[in-house]
N, C-alpha and C. Protein backbone atom coordinates (compact mmCIF):
# COMPACT_ATOMS: atom_id res chain seq x y z
N UNK A 1 -45.45 12.85 -4.22
CA UNK A 1 -46.31 13.93 -4.64
C UNK A 1 -47.21 13.47 -5.77
N UNK A 2 -48.45 13.91 -5.74
CA UNK A 2 -49.38 13.56 -6.79
C UNK A 2 -49.49 14.65 -7.83
N UNK A 3 -50.26 14.39 -8.83
CA UNK A 3 -50.49 15.35 -9.89
C UNK A 3 -51.47 16.40 -9.42
N UNK A 4 -51.18 17.67 -9.68
CA UNK A 4 -52.09 18.74 -9.27
C UNK A 4 -52.47 19.58 -10.49
N UNK A 5 -53.59 20.29 -10.37
CA UNK A 5 -54.08 21.13 -11.44
C UNK A 5 -54.56 22.44 -10.85
N UNK A 6 -54.20 23.56 -11.47
CA UNK A 6 -54.71 24.86 -11.07
C UNK A 6 -54.68 25.79 -12.27
N UNK A 7 -55.76 26.51 -12.48
CA UNK A 7 -55.87 27.48 -13.55
C UNK A 7 -56.23 28.81 -12.92
N UNK A 8 -55.51 29.86 -13.25
CA UNK A 8 -55.76 31.19 -12.72
C UNK A 8 -56.21 32.11 -13.84
N UNK A 9 -57.33 32.81 -13.60
CA UNK A 9 -57.90 33.72 -14.59
C UNK A 9 -57.93 35.11 -13.97
N UNK A 10 -57.30 36.09 -14.64
CA UNK A 10 -57.30 37.46 -14.14
C UNK A 10 -58.65 38.11 -14.44
N UNK A 11 -59.28 38.66 -13.41
CA UNK A 11 -60.56 39.35 -13.58
C UNK A 11 -60.40 40.86 -13.59
N UNK A 12 -59.31 41.33 -13.06
CA UNK A 12 -59.03 42.76 -12.99
C UNK A 12 -57.58 42.94 -12.60
N UNK A 13 -57.23 44.15 -12.25
CA UNK A 13 -55.84 44.44 -11.92
C UNK A 13 -55.34 43.65 -10.71
N UNK A 14 -56.14 43.54 -9.66
CA UNK A 14 -55.73 42.88 -8.43
C UNK A 14 -56.61 41.71 -8.03
N UNK A 15 -57.45 41.23 -8.94
CA UNK A 15 -58.41 40.17 -8.62
C UNK A 15 -58.21 38.99 -9.57
N UNK A 16 -58.22 37.79 -8.99
CA UNK A 16 -58.05 36.57 -9.78
C UNK A 16 -59.07 35.52 -9.38
N UNK A 17 -59.42 34.69 -10.33
CA UNK A 17 -60.29 33.54 -10.10
C UNK A 17 -59.43 32.30 -10.26
N UNK A 18 -59.38 31.46 -9.23
CA UNK A 18 -58.55 30.27 -9.22
C UNK A 18 -59.42 29.03 -9.30
N UNK A 19 -59.13 28.18 -10.27
CA UNK A 19 -59.87 26.93 -10.46
C UNK A 19 -58.90 25.78 -10.26
N UNK A 20 -59.24 24.86 -9.34
CA UNK A 20 -58.38 23.72 -9.08
C UNK A 20 -59.23 22.48 -8.84
N UNK A 21 -58.57 21.38 -8.57
CA UNK A 21 -59.25 20.12 -8.31
C UNK A 21 -60.18 20.23 -7.11
N UNK A 22 -59.79 21.02 -6.11
CA UNK A 22 -60.59 21.15 -4.89
C UNK A 22 -61.71 22.18 -5.00
N UNK A 23 -61.81 22.91 -6.11
CA UNK A 23 -62.90 23.86 -6.29
C UNK A 23 -62.45 25.18 -6.86
N UNK A 24 -63.32 26.19 -6.69
CA UNK A 24 -63.08 27.52 -7.24
C UNK A 24 -62.95 28.51 -6.09
N UNK A 25 -62.02 29.45 -6.21
CA UNK A 25 -61.88 30.50 -5.22
C UNK A 25 -61.44 31.78 -5.90
N UNK A 26 -61.63 32.89 -5.23
CA UNK A 26 -61.19 34.19 -5.73
C UNK A 26 -60.15 34.74 -4.78
N UNK A 27 -59.24 35.54 -5.32
CA UNK A 27 -58.24 36.17 -4.47
C UNK A 27 -58.06 37.61 -4.89
N UNK A 28 -57.74 38.45 -3.90
CA UNK A 28 -57.54 39.87 -4.14
C UNK A 28 -56.24 40.29 -3.49
N UNK A 29 -55.44 41.06 -4.21
CA UNK A 29 -54.14 41.49 -3.73
C UNK A 29 -54.17 42.96 -3.37
N UNK A 30 -53.58 43.30 -2.22
CA UNK A 30 -53.44 44.68 -1.77
C UNK A 30 -52.02 44.87 -1.28
N UNK A 31 -51.16 45.37 -2.14
CA UNK A 31 -49.74 45.49 -1.79
C UNK A 31 -49.13 44.11 -1.68
N UNK A 32 -48.39 43.83 -0.60
CA UNK A 32 -47.78 42.51 -0.44
C UNK A 32 -48.71 41.46 0.16
N UNK A 33 -49.97 41.83 0.42
CA UNK A 33 -50.91 40.92 1.08
C UNK A 33 -51.95 40.43 0.08
N UNK A 34 -52.17 39.11 0.06
CA UNK A 34 -53.20 38.50 -0.78
C UNK A 34 -54.21 37.81 0.12
N UNK A 35 -55.51 38.10 -0.10
CA UNK A 35 -56.58 37.51 0.69
C UNK A 35 -57.42 36.64 -0.22
N UNK A 36 -57.64 35.40 0.19
CA UNK A 36 -58.37 34.41 -0.58
C UNK A 36 -59.80 34.33 -0.07
N UNK A 37 -60.74 33.97 -0.94
CA UNK A 37 -62.14 33.84 -0.54
C UNK A 37 -62.36 32.69 0.44
N UNK A 38 -61.40 31.79 0.55
CA UNK A 38 -61.49 30.68 1.50
C UNK A 38 -60.91 31.05 2.86
N UNK A 39 -60.47 32.29 3.00
CA UNK A 39 -59.97 32.76 4.30
C UNK A 39 -58.47 32.69 4.46
N UNK A 40 -57.75 32.29 3.45
CA UNK A 40 -56.29 32.19 3.54
C UNK A 40 -55.66 33.55 3.25
N UNK A 41 -54.67 33.93 4.05
CA UNK A 41 -53.95 35.18 3.87
C UNK A 41 -52.49 34.86 3.60
N UNK A 42 -51.94 35.46 2.55
CA UNK A 42 -50.55 35.26 2.19
C UNK A 42 -49.85 36.61 2.16
N UNK A 43 -48.68 36.69 2.80
CA UNK A 43 -47.90 37.93 2.83
C UNK A 43 -46.58 37.68 2.12
N UNK A 44 -46.26 38.53 1.17
CA UNK A 44 -44.99 38.41 0.45
C UNK A 44 -43.92 39.13 1.25
N UNK A 45 -42.89 38.38 1.66
CA UNK A 45 -41.82 38.93 2.50
C UNK A 45 -40.63 39.41 1.68
N UNK A 46 -40.50 38.92 0.49
CA UNK A 46 -39.40 39.28 -0.39
C UNK A 46 -39.51 38.47 -1.65
N UNK A 47 -38.55 38.62 -2.52
CA UNK A 47 -38.61 37.91 -3.78
C UNK A 47 -38.55 36.40 -3.55
N UNK A 48 -39.62 35.70 -3.88
CA UNK A 48 -39.68 34.25 -3.76
C UNK A 48 -39.94 33.74 -2.35
N UNK A 49 -40.25 34.63 -1.41
CA UNK A 49 -40.46 34.23 -0.02
C UNK A 49 -41.82 34.72 0.46
N UNK A 50 -42.70 33.80 0.88
CA UNK A 50 -44.04 34.16 1.35
C UNK A 50 -44.32 33.52 2.68
N UNK A 51 -45.29 34.08 3.38
CA UNK A 51 -45.73 33.56 4.68
C UNK A 51 -47.25 33.42 4.63
N UNK A 52 -47.77 32.22 4.89
CA UNK A 52 -49.21 31.97 4.88
C UNK A 52 -49.75 31.91 6.28
N UNK A 53 -50.90 32.54 6.48
CA UNK A 53 -51.60 32.52 7.77
C UNK A 53 -52.82 31.65 7.67
């Protein structure tokens, strides 16, 4: 595994700006579902368990 970097900045209650080595993206959360500006969808299934589409 290599070294990784990610910085998350809260813009509002359910909106975040993510800055990483690969670029900048925004994400918005609606209940257990998080939608990323890059098209990634993450669903929280339980505590510590997620499913990415």
